[in-house]
Amino acid sequence: MAAVSLSVSTVKPLGDRVFIKVTASEEKTAGGIFLPETAKEKPQVGEIAAVGPGKRSDDGTRQEVEVKVGDKVLYSKYAGTDIKLGTEEYVLLSEKDILAIVD
């Protein structure tokens, strides 16, 4: 899937969506073999850049998002929409697609 390229300065997610800055994937294997661009796996780790206000419940109240800006997270491999801002890569996805907060 191709990434969406945007020429904006800020992105503000809506609802329970989060905007994640993708961490670069490894350039070589543990054995020292350098990987070509086509052999690299899609990254699954990134840092939260922005969060939405939260999902609305049935009674109209907001359920806050559990993650915050700056958290490093592990997310589902093929979740969300890939977005490119300048040279930086991001992914916009729902909070439910985040699997864990990592250190």
PDB file of N, CA and C in Angstrom:
ATOM      1  N   MET A   1       0.843  -1.169   0.000  1.00  0.00           N
ATOM      2  CA  MET A   1       0.000   0.000   0.000  1.00  0.00           C
ATOM      3  C   MET A   1       0.894   1.239   0.000  1.00  0.00           C
ATOM      4  N   ALA A   2       0.577   2.205  -0.811  1.00  0.00           N
ATOM      5  CA  ALA A   2       1.339   3.445  -0.876  1.00  0.00           C
ATOM      6  C   ALA A   2       0.953   4.366   0.273  1.00  0.00           C
ATOM      7  N   ALA A   3       1.932   5.135   0.719  1.00  0.00           N
ATOM      8  CA  ALA A   3       1.687   6.086   1.803  1.00  0.00           C
ATOM      9  C   ALA A   3       1.052   7.353   1.246  1.00  0.00           C
ATOM     10  N   VAL A   4       0.214   7.973   2.046  1.00  0.00           N
ATOM     11  CA  VAL A   4      -0.387   9.248   1.690  1.00  0.00           C
ATOM     12  C   VAL A   4       0.631  10.334   2.012  1.00  0.00           C
ATOM     13  N   SER A   5       0.921  11.220   1.063  1.00  0.00           N
ATOM     14  CA  SER A   5       1.846  12.319   1.315  1.00  0.00           C
ATOM     15  C   SER A   5       1.054  13.591   1.575  1.00  0.00           C
ATOM     16  N   LEU A   6       1.383  14.266   2.682  1.00  0.00           N
ATOM     17  CA  LEU A   6       0.698  15.490   3.048  1.00  0.00           C
ATOM     18  C   LEU A   6       1.699  16.624   3.182  1.00  0.00           C
ATOM     19  N   SER A   7       1.264  17.828   2.851  1.00  0.00           N
ATOM     20  CA  SER A   7       2.120  19.004   3.032  1.00  0.00           C
ATOM     21  C   SER A   7       1.447  19.949   4.017  1.00  0.00           C
ATOM     22  N   VAL A   8       1.319  19.476   5.267  1.00  0.00           N
ATOM     23  CA  VAL A   8       0.716  20.257   6.339  1.00  0.00           C
ATOM     24  C   VAL A   8       1.710  20.315   7.496  1.00  0.00           C
ATOM     25  N   SER A   9       1.472  21.228   8.427  1.00  0.00           N
ATOM     26  CA  SER A   9       2.395  21.352   9.551  1.00  0.00           C
ATOM     27  C   SER A   9       1.970  20.526  10.758  1.00  0.00           C
ATOM     28  N   THR A  10       0.664  20.329  10.946  1.00  0.00           N
ATOM     29  CA  THR A  10       0.190  19.538  12.083  1.00  0.00           C
ATOM     30  C   THR A  10      -0.939  18.613  11.665  1.00  0.00           C
ATOM     31  N   VAL A  11      -1.071  17.526  12.401  1.00  0.00           N
ATOM     32  CA  VAL A  11      -2.170  16.583  12.199  1.00  0.00           C
ATOM     33  C   VAL A  11      -2.808  16.357  13.553  1.00  0.00           C
ATOM     34  N   LYS A  12      -4.114  16.550  13.654  1.00  0.00           N
ATOM     35  CA  LYS A  12      -4.844  16.353  14.908  1.00  0.00           C
ATOM     36  C   LYS A  12      -5.822  15.200  14.714  1.00  0.00           C
ATOM     37  N   PRO A  13      -5.540  14.044  15.325  1.00  0.00           N
ATOM     38  CA  PRO A  13      -6.433  12.888  15.179  1.00  0.00           C
ATOM     39  C   PRO A  13      -7.799  13.146  15.817  1.00  0.00           C
ATOM     40  N   LEU A  14      -8.814  12.494  15.292  1.00  0.00           N
ATOM     41  CA  LEU A  14     -10.167  12.605  15.819  1.00  0.00           C
ATOM     42  C   LEU A  14     -10.548  11.327  16.554  1.00  0.00           C
ATOM     43  N   GLY A  15     -11.484  11.416  17.475  1.00  0.00           N
ATOM     44  CA  GLY A  15     -11.989  10.250  18.195  1.00  0.00           C
ATOM     45  C   GLY A  15     -10.897   9.522  18.951  1.00  0.00           C
ATOM     46  N   ASP A  16     -10.864   8.195  18.796  1.00  0.00           N
ATOM     47  CA  ASP A  16      -9.882   7.383  19.510  1.00  0.00           C
ATOM     48  C   ASP A  16      -8.665   7.057  18.641  1.00  0.00           C
ATOM     49  N   ARG A  17      -8.398   7.890  17.660  1.00  0.00           N
ATOM     50  CA  ARG A  17      -7.252   7.645  16.775  1.00  0.00           C
ATOM     51  C   ARG A  17      -5.971   8.254  17.343  1.00  0.00           C
ATOM     52  N   VAL A  18      -4.856   7.625  16.982  1.00  0.00           N
ATOM     53  CA  VAL A  18      -3.543   8.119  17.407  1.00  0.00           C
ATOM     54  C   VAL A  18      -2.639   8.256  16.186  1.00  0.00           C
ATOM     55  N   PHE A  19      -1.723   9.208  16.253  1.00  0.00           N
ATOM     56  CA  PHE A  19      -0.787   9.513  15.174  1.00  0.00           C
ATOM     57  C   PHE A  19       0.593   9.099  15.670  1.00  0.00           C
ATOM     58  N   ILE A  20       1.212   8.135  15.003  1.00  0.00           N
ATOM     59  CA  ILE A  20       2.457   7.535  15.476  1.00  0.00           C
ATOM     60  C   ILE A  20       3.591   7.799  14.495  1.00  0.00           C
ATOM     61  N   LYS A  21       4.730   8.270  15.025  1.00  0.00           N
ATOM     62  CA  LYS A  21       5.945   8.415  14.221  1.00  0.00           C
ATOM     63  C   LYS A  21       6.617   7.058  14.176  1.00  0.00           C
ATOM     64  N   VAL A  22       6.802   6.534  12.977  1.00  0.00           N
ATOM     65  CA  VAL A  22       7.335   5.191  12.787  1.00  0.00           C
ATOM     66  C   VAL A  22       8.832   5.170  13.077  1.00  0.00           C
ATOM     67  N   THR A  23       9.257   4.152  13.843  1.00  0.00           N
ATOM     68  CA  THR A  23      10.667   3.929  14.103  1.00  0.00           C
ATOM     69  C   THR A  23      11.250   3.199  12.906  1.00  0.00           C
ATOM     70  N   ALA A  24      12.424   3.631  12.441  1.00  0.00           N
ATOM     71  CA  ALA A  24      13.050   3.034  11.266  1.00  0.00           C
ATOM     72  C   ALA A  24      13.311   1.551  11.485  1.00  0.00           C
ATOM     73  N   SER A  25      13.117   0.749  10.432  1.00  0.00           N
ATOM     74  CA  SER A  25      13.364  -0.684  10.537  1.00  0.00           C
ATOM     75  C   SER A  25      14.857  -0.969  10.428  1.00  0.00           C
ATOM     76  N   GLU A  26      15.239  -2.154  10.862  1.00  0.00           N
ATOM     77  CA  GLU A  26      16.648  -2.541  10.868  1.00  0.00           C
ATOM     78  C   GLU A  26      17.204  -2.617   9.448  1.00  0.00           C
ATOM     79  N   GLU A  27      18.447  -2.160   9.301  1.00  0.00           N
ATOM     80  CA  GLU A  27      19.122  -2.189   8.006  1.00  0.00           C
ATOM     81  C   GLU A  27      19.799  -3.538   7.745  1.00  0.00           C
ATOM     82  N   LYS A  28      20.103  -4.289   8.822  1.00  0.00           N
ATOM     83  CA  LYS A  28      20.759  -5.582   8.644  1.00  0.00           C
ATOM     84  C   LYS A  28      20.232  -6.594   9.655  1.00  0.00           C
ATOM     85  N   THR A  29      20.471  -7.862   9.361  1.00  0.00           N
ATOM     86  CA  THR A  29      20.014  -8.943  10.228  1.00  0.00           C
ATOM     87  C   THR A  29      20.966  -9.100  11.406  1.00  0.00           C
ATOM     88  N   ALA A  30      20.581  -9.952  12.361  1.00  0.00           N
ATOM     89  CA  ALA A  30      21.440 -10.221  13.521  1.00  0.00           C
ATOM     90  C   ALA A  30      22.764 -10.839  13.099  1.00  0.00           C
ATOM     91  N   GLY A  31      22.785 -11.534  11.967  1.00  0.00           N
ATOM     92  CA  GLY A  31      24.010 -12.153  11.450  1.00  0.00           C
ATOM     93  C   GLY A  31      24.885 -11.192  10.668  1.00  0.00           C
ATOM     94  N   GLY A  32      24.441  -9.950  10.494  1.00  0.00           N
ATOM     95  CA  GLY A  32      25.246  -8.945   9.806  1.00  0.00           C
ATOM     96  C   GLY A  32      24.957  -8.785   8.328  1.00  0.00           C
ATOM     97  N   ILE A  33      23.923  -9.435   7.811  1.00  0.00           N
ATOM     98  CA  ILE A  33      23.582  -9.331   6.394  1.00  0.00           C
ATOM     99  C   ILE A  33      22.735  -8.078   6.185  1.00  0.00           C
ATOM    100  N   PHE A  34      23.150  -7.209   5.251  1.00  0.00           N
ATOM    101  CA  PHE A  34      22.387  -6.000   4.955  1.00  0.00           C
ATOM    102  C   PHE A  34      21.170  -6.348   4.108  1.00  0.00           C
ATOM    103  N   LEU A  35      20.036  -5.754   4.475  1.00  0.00           N
ATOM    104  CA  LEU A  35      18.779  -6.043   3.793  1.00  0.00           C
ATOM    105  C   LEU A  35      18.470  -4.987   2.733  1.00  0.00           C
ATOM    106  N   PRO A  36      18.055  -5.420   1.525  1.00  0.00           N
ATOM    107  CA  PRO A  36      17.604  -4.442   0.529  1.00  0.00           C
ATOM    108  C   PRO A  36      16.251  -3.878   0.952  1.00  0.00           C
ATOM    109  N   GLU A  37      15.874  -2.757   0.407  1.00  0.00           N
ATOM    110  CA  GLU A  37      14.622  -2.079   0.766  1.00  0.00           C
ATOM    111  C   GLU A  37      13.406  -2.992   0.608  1.00  0.00           C
ATOM    112  N   THR A  38      13.415  -3.846  -0.399  1.00  0.00           N
ATOM    113  CA  THR A  38      12.268  -4.713  -0.664  1.00  0.00           C
ATOM    114  C   THR A  38      12.142  -5.859   0.332  1.00  0.00           C
ATOM    115  N   ALA A  39      13.212  -6.201   1.041  1.00  0.00           N
ATOM    116  CA  ALA A  39      13.179  -7.325   1.984  1.00  0.00           C
ATOM    117  C   ALA A  39      12.846  -6.899   3.410  1.00  0.00           C
ATOM    118  N   LYS A  40      12.822  -5.601   3.663  1.00  0.00           N
ATOM    119  CA  LYS A  40      12.549  -5.123   5.016  1.00  0.00           C
ATOM    120  C   LYS A  40      11.081  -5.313   5.363  1.00  0.00           C
ATOM    121  N   GLU A  41      10.835  -5.684   6.625  1.00  0.00           N
ATOM    122  CA  GLU A  41       9.462  -5.826   7.088  1.00  0.00           C
ATOM    123  C   GLU A  41       8.917  -4.470   7.497  1.00  0.00           C
ATOM    124  N   LYS A  42       7.594  -4.347   7.448  1.00  0.00           N
ATOM    125  CA  LYS A  42       6.953  -3.114   7.882  1.00  0.00           C
ATOM    126  C   LYS A  42       7.179  -2.952   9.388  1.00  0.00           C
ATOM    127  N   PRO A  43       7.633  -1.781   9.825  1.00  0.00           N
ATOM    128  CA  PRO A  43       7.865  -1.577  11.259  1.00  0.00           C
ATOM    129  C   PRO A  43       6.572  -1.691  12.061  1.00  0.00           C
ATOM    130  N   GLN A  44       6.712  -2.098  13.321  1.00  0.00           N
ATOM    131  CA  GLN A  44       5.557  -2.211  14.197  1.00  0.00           C
ATOM    132  C   GLN A  44       5.750  -1.409  15.471  1.00  0.00           C
ATOM    133  N   VAL A  45       6.818  -0.639  15.560  1.00  0.00           N
ATOM    134  CA  VAL A  45       7.103   0.144  16.758  1.00  0.00           C
ATOM    135  C   VAL A  45       7.197   1.606  16.362  1.00  0.00           C
ATOM    136  N   GLY A  46       6.643   2.473  17.214  1.00  0.00           N
ATOM    137  CA  GLY A  46       6.710   3.898  16.944  1.00  0.00           C
ATOM    138  C   GLY A  46       6.441   4.698  18.197  1.00  0.00           C
ATOM    139  N   GLU A  47       6.589   6.016  18.058  1.00  0.00           N
ATOM    140  CA  GLU A  47       6.357   6.927  19.179  1.00  0.00           C
ATOM    141  C   GLU A  47       5.106   7.742  18.915  1.00  0.00           C
ATOM    142  N   ILE A  48       4.249   7.848  19.918  1.00  0.00           N
ATOM    143  CA  ILE A  48       3.004   8.602  19.784  1.00  0.00           C
ATOM    144  C   ILE A  48       3.330  10.078  19.569  1.00  0.00           C
ATOM    145  N   ALA A  49       2.845  10.646  18.452  1.00  0.00           N
ATOM    146  CA  ALA A  49       3.074  12.050  18.136  1.00  0.00           C
ATOM    147  C   ALA A  49       1.853  12.906  18.498  1.00  0.00           C
ATOM    148  N   ALA A  50       0.658  12.330  18.407  1.00  0.00           N
ATOM    149  CA  ALA A  50      -0.579  13.051  18.749  1.00  0.00           C
ATOM    150  C   ALA A  50      -1.681  12.039  19.038  1.00  0.00           C
ATOM    151  N   VAL A  51      -2.612  12.429  19.900  1.00  0.00           N
ATOM    152  CA  VAL A  51      -3.756  11.564  20.218  1.00  0.00           C
ATOM    153  C   VAL A  51      -5.049  12.353  20.070  1.00  0.00           C
ATOM    154  N   GLY A  52      -6.113  11.640  19.736  1.00  0.00           N
ATOM    155  CA  GLY A  52      -7.427  12.257  19.646  1.00  0.00           C
ATOM    156  C   GLY A  52      -8.032  12.426  21.026  1.00  0.00           C
ATOM    157  N   PRO A  53      -9.184  13.081  21.105  1.00  0.00           N
ATOM    158  CA  PRO A  53      -9.826  13.343  22.400  1.00  0.00           C
ATOM    159  C   PRO A  53     -10.421  12.097  23.052  1.00  0.00           C
ATOM    160  N   GLY A  54     -10.616  11.025  22.306  1.00  0.00           N
ATOM    161  CA  GLY A  54     -11.184   9.800  22.856  1.00  0.00           C
ATOM    162  C   GLY A  54     -12.497   9.439  22.186  1.00  0.00           C
ATOM    163  N   LYS A  55     -12.893   8.219  22.388  1.00  0.00           N
ATOM    164  CA  LYS A  55     -14.115   7.687  21.783  1.00  0.00           C
ATOM    165  C   LYS A  55     -15.336   8.100  22.604  1.00  0.00           C
ATOM    166  N   ARG A  56     -16.429   8.393  21.928  1.00  0.00           N
ATOM    167  CA  ARG A  56     -17.685   8.712  22.618  1.00  0.00           C
ATOM    168  C   ARG A  56     -18.396   7.411  22.982  1.00  0.00           C
ATOM    169  N   SER A  57     -18.838   7.341  24.220  1.00  0.00           N
ATOM    170  CA  SER A  57     -19.611   6.177  24.653  1.00  0.00           C
ATOM    171  C   SER A  57     -21.085   6.391  24.288  1.00  0.00           C
ATOM    172  N   ASP A  58     -21.912   5.400  24.561  1.00  0.00           N
ATOM    173  CA  ASP A  58     -23.339   5.467  24.222  1.00  0.00           C
ATOM    174  C   ASP A  58     -24.067   6.591  24.944  1.00  0.00           C
ATOM    175  N   ASP A  59     -23.593   6.954  26.153  1.00  0.00           N
ATOM    176  CA  ASP A  59     -24.260   8.022  26.900  1.00  0.00           C
ATOM    177  C   ASP A  59     -23.707   9.415  26.576  1.00  0.00           C
ATOM    178  N   GLY A  60     -22.790   9.502  25.618  1.00  0.00           N
ATOM    179  CA  GLY A  60     -22.273  10.789  25.165  1.00  0.00           C
ATOM    180  C   GLY A  60     -20.992  11.258  25.833  1.00  0.00           C
ATOM    181  N   THR A  61     -20.528  10.547  26.855  1.00  0.00           N
ATOM    182  CA  THR A  61     -19.272  10.937  27.509  1.00  0.00           C
ATOM    183  C   THR A  61     -18.079  10.423  26.706  1.00  0.00           C
ATOM    184  N   ARG A  62     -16.937  11.029  26.945  1.00  0.00           N
ATOM    185  CA  ARG A  62     -15.716  10.616  26.245  1.00  0.00           C
ATOM    186  C   ARG A  62     -14.920   9.633  27.086  1.00  0.00           C
ATOM    187  N   GLN A  63     -14.418   8.596  26.431  1.00  0.00           N
ATOM    188  CA  GLN A  63     -13.497   7.659  27.061  1.00  0.00           C
ATOM    189  C   GLN A  63     -12.103   8.054  26.594  1.00  0.00           C
ATOM    190  N   GLU A  64     -11.285   8.549  27.504  1.00  0.00           N
ATOM    191  CA  GLU A  64      -9.954   9.029  27.125  1.00  0.00           C
ATOM    192  C   GLU A  64      -9.098   7.904  26.571  1.00  0.00           C
ATOM    193  N   VAL A  65      -8.180   8.280  25.682  1.00  0.00           N
ATOM    194  CA  VAL A  65      -7.235   7.338  25.102  1.00  0.00           C
ATOM    195  C   VAL A  65      -6.220   6.956  26.182  1.00  0.00           C
ATOM    196  N   GLU A  66      -5.834   5.680  26.245  1.00  0.00           N
ATOM    197  CA  GLU A  66      -4.940   5.194  27.294  1.00  0.00           C
ATOM    198  C   GLU A  66      -3.481   5.585  27.096  1.00  0.00           C
ATOM    199  N   VAL A  67      -3.085   5.915  25.867  1.00  0.00           N
ATOM    200  CA  VAL A  67      -1.692   6.295  25.599  1.00  0.00           C
ATOM    201  C   VAL A  67      -1.583   7.812  25.561  1.00  0.00           C
ATOM    202  N   LYS A  68      -0.356   8.309  25.703  1.00  0.00           N
ATOM    203  CA  LYS A  68      -0.133   9.754  25.661  1.00  0.00           C
ATOM    204  C   LYS A  68       1.033  10.057  24.724  1.00  0.00           C
ATOM    205  N   VAL A  69       1.154  11.303  24.341  1.00  0.00           N
ATOM    206  CA  VAL A  69       2.236  11.738  23.464  1.00  0.00           C
ATOM    207  C   VAL A  69       3.572  11.391  24.116  1.00  0.00           C
ATOM    208  N   GLY A  70       4.467  10.811  23.325  1.00  0.00           N
ATOM    209  CA  GLY A  70       5.784  10.428  23.823  1.00  0.00           C
ATOM    210  C   GLY A  70       5.908   8.955  24.155  1.00  0.00           C
ATOM    211  N   ASP A  71       4.781   8.243  24.324  1.00  0.00           N
ATOM    212  CA  ASP A  71       4.840   6.808  24.605  1.00  0.00           C
ATOM    213  C   ASP A  71       5.378   6.062  23.382  1.00  0.00           C
ATOM    214  N   LYS A  72       6.211   5.051  23.633  1.00  0.00           N
ATOM    215  CA  LYS A  72       6.694   4.182  22.567  1.00  0.00           C
ATOM    216  C   LYS A  72       5.792   2.957  22.572  1.00  0.00           C
ATOM    217  N   VAL A  73       5.196   2.625  21.418  1.00  0.00           N
ATOM    218  CA  VAL A  73       4.196   1.568  21.362  1.00  0.00           C
ATOM    219  C   VAL A  73       4.486   0.535  20.283  1.00  0.00           C
ATOM    220  N   LEU A  74       3.910  -0.641  20.498  1.00  0.00           N
ATOM    221  CA  LEU A  74       3.918  -1.724  19.523  1.00  0.00           C
ATOM    222  C   LEU A  74       2.507  -1.790  18.956  1.00  0.00           C
ATOM    223  N   TYR A  75       2.375  -1.771  17.633  1.00  0.00           N
ATOM    224  CA  TYR A  75       1.041  -1.780  17.017  1.00  0.00           C
ATOM    225  C   TYR A  75       0.929  -2.878  15.981  1.00  0.00           C
ATOM    226  N   SER A  76      -0.280  -3.215  15.595  1.00  0.00           N
ATOM    227  CA  SER A  76      -0.546  -4.272  14.617  1.00  0.00           C
ATOM    228  C   SER A  76       0.164  -3.983  13.304  1.00  0.00           C
ATOM    229  N   LYS A  77       0.660  -5.026  12.698  1.00  0.00           N
ATOM    230  CA  LYS A  77       1.509  -4.896  11.509  1.00  0.00           C
ATOM    231  C   LYS A  77       0.845  -4.174  10.335  1.00  0.00           C
ATOM    232  N   TYR A  78      -0.373  -4.503  10.014  1.00  0.00           N
ATOM    233  CA  TYR A  78      -1.014  -3.914   8.830  1.00  0.00           C
ATOM    234  C   TYR A  78      -2.163  -2.990   9.192  1.00  0.00           C
ATOM    235  N   ALA A  79      -2.099  -2.390  10.371  1.00  0.00           N
ATOM    236  CA  ALA A  79      -3.156  -1.499  10.831  1.00  0.00           C
ATOM    237  C   ALA A  79      -2.916  -0.071  10.367  1.00  0.00           C
ATOM    238  N   GLY A  80      -3.979   0.697  10.264  1.00  0.00           N
ATOM    239  CA  GLY A  80      -3.881   2.127  10.037  1.00  0.00           C
ATOM    240  C   GLY A  80      -3.571   2.555   8.621  1.00  0.00           C
ATOM    241  N   THR A  81      -3.330   3.858   8.494  1.00  0.00           N
ATOM    242  CA  THR A  81      -3.015   4.488   7.219  1.00  0.00           C
ATOM    243  C   THR A  81      -1.618   5.073   7.297  1.00  0.00           C
ATOM    244  N   ASP A  82      -0.757   4.698   6.348  1.00  0.00           N
ATOM    245  CA  ASP A  82       0.601   5.225   6.297  1.00  0.00           C
ATOM    246  C   ASP A  82       0.566   6.645   5.748  1.00  0.00           C
ATOM    247  N   ILE A  83       1.254   7.557   6.428  1.00  0.00           N
ATOM    248  CA  ILE A  83       1.287   8.966   6.040  1.00  0.00           C
ATOM    249  C   ILE A  83       2.728   9.440   6.020  1.00  0.00           C
ATOM    250  N   LYS A  84       3.072  10.213   5.022  1.00  0.00           N
ATOM    251  CA  LYS A  84       4.420  10.760   4.911  1.00  0.00           C
ATOM    252  C   LYS A  84       4.335  12.285   4.992  1.00  0.00           C
ATOM    253  N   LEU A  85       5.026  12.868   5.978  1.00  0.00           N
ATOM    254  CA  LEU A  85       5.125  14.324   6.131  1.00  0.00           C
ATOM    255  C   LEU A  85       6.580  14.695   5.908  1.00  0.00           C
ATOM    256  N   GLY A  86       6.865  15.276   4.767  1.00  0.00           N
ATOM    257  CA  GLY A  86       8.259  15.577   4.429  1.00  0.00           C
ATOM    258  C   GLY A  86       9.021  14.276   4.274  1.00  0.00           C
ATOM    259  N   THR A  87      10.073  14.101   5.075  1.00  0.00           N
ATOM    260  CA  THR A  87      10.861  12.863   5.017  1.00  0.00           C
ATOM    261  C   THR A  87      10.479  11.886   6.125  1.00  0.00           C
ATOM    262  N   GLU A  88       9.607  12.306   7.029  1.00  0.00           N
ATOM    263  CA  GLU A  88       9.213  11.477   8.168  1.00  0.00           C
ATOM    264  C   GLU A  88       8.014  10.595   7.817  1.00  0.00           C
ATOM    265  N   GLU A  89       8.008   9.365   8.341  1.00  0.00           N
ATOM    266  CA  GLU A  89       6.903   8.436   8.120  1.00  0.00           C
ATOM    267  C   GLU A  89       6.084   8.288   9.397  1.00  0.00           C
ATOM    268  N   TYR A  90       4.772   8.293   9.236  1.00  0.00           N
ATOM    269  CA  TYR A  90       3.834   8.176  10.343  1.00  0.00           C
ATOM    270  C   TYR A  90       2.769   7.149   9.984  1.00  0.00           C
ATOM    271  N   VAL A  91       2.018   6.737  10.986  1.00  0.00           N
ATOM    272  CA  VAL A  91       0.849   5.893  10.761  1.00  0.00           C
ATOM    273  C   VAL A  91      -0.272   6.434  11.649  1.00  0.00           C
ATOM    274  N   LEU A  92      -1.471   6.522  11.069  1.00  0.00           N
ATOM    275  CA  LEU A  92      -2.662   6.979  11.791  1.00  0.00           C
ATOM    276  C   LEU A  92      -3.551   5.758  11.990  1.00  0.00           C
ATOM    277  N   LEU A  93      -3.825   5.417  13.263  1.00  0.00           N
ATOM    278  CA  LEU A  93      -4.608   4.223  13.532  1.00  0.00           C
ATOM    279  C   LEU A  93      -5.481   4.380  14.762  1.00  0.00           C
ATOM    280  N   SER A  94      -6.409   3.455  14.928  1.00  0.00           N
ATOM    281  CA  SER A  94      -7.295   3.457  16.096  1.00  0.00           C
ATOM    282  C   SER A  94      -6.538   2.939  17.307  1.00  0.00           C
ATOM    283  N   GLU A  95      -6.962   3.393  18.470  1.00  0.00           N
ATOM    284  CA  GLU A  95      -6.331   2.954  19.711  1.00  0.00           C
ATOM    285  C   GLU A  95      -6.384   1.431  19.862  1.00  0.00           C
ATOM    286  N   LYS A  96      -7.437   0.796  19.374  1.00  0.00           N
ATOM    287  CA  LYS A  96      -7.574  -0.656  19.506  1.00  0.00           C
ATOM    288  C   LYS A  96      -6.488  -1.431  18.764  1.00  0.00           C
ATOM    289  N   ASP A  97      -5.810  -0.779  17.798  1.00  0.00           N
ATOM    290  CA  ASP A  97      -4.738  -1.431  17.045  1.00  0.00           C
ATOM    291  C   ASP A  97      -3.391  -1.365  17.761  1.00  0.00           C
ATOM    292  N   ILE A  98      -3.324  -0.647  18.886  1.00  0.00           N
ATOM    293  CA  ILE A  98      -2.097  -0.609  19.679  1.00  0.00           C
ATOM    294  C   ILE A  98      -2.090  -1.819  20.595  1.00  0.00           C
ATOM    295  N   LEU A  99      -0.993  -2.587  20.533  1.00  0.00           N
ATOM    296  CA  LEU A  99      -0.909  -3.839  21.288  1.00  0.00           C
ATOM    297  C   LEU A  99      -0.282  -3.646  22.663  1.00  0.00           C
ATOM    298  N   ALA A 100       0.722  -2.741  22.767  1.00  0.00           N
ATOM    299  CA  ALA A 100       1.419  -2.580  24.040  1.00  0.00           C
ATOM    300  C   ALA A 100       2.232  -1.298  24.048  1.00  0.00           C
ATOM    301  N   ILE A 101       2.514  -0.810  25.254  1.00  0.00           N
ATOM    302  CA  ILE A 101       3.475   0.280  25.447  1.00  0.00           C
ATOM    303  C   ILE A 101       4.795  -0.390  25.767  1.00  0.00           C
ATOM    304  N   VAL A 102       5.862  -0.009  25.077  1.00  0.00           N
ATOM    305  CA  VAL A 102       7.182  -0.628  25.274  1.00  0.00           C
ATOM    306  C   VAL A 102       8.165   0.401  25.795  1.00  0.00           C
ATOM    307  N   ASP A 103       9.217  -0.071  26.474  1.00  0.00           N
ATOM    308  CA  ASP A 103      10.266   0.815  26.990  1.00  0.00           C
ATOM    309  C   ASP A 103      11.475   0.810  26.100  1.00  0.00           C
TER     310      ASP A 103
END
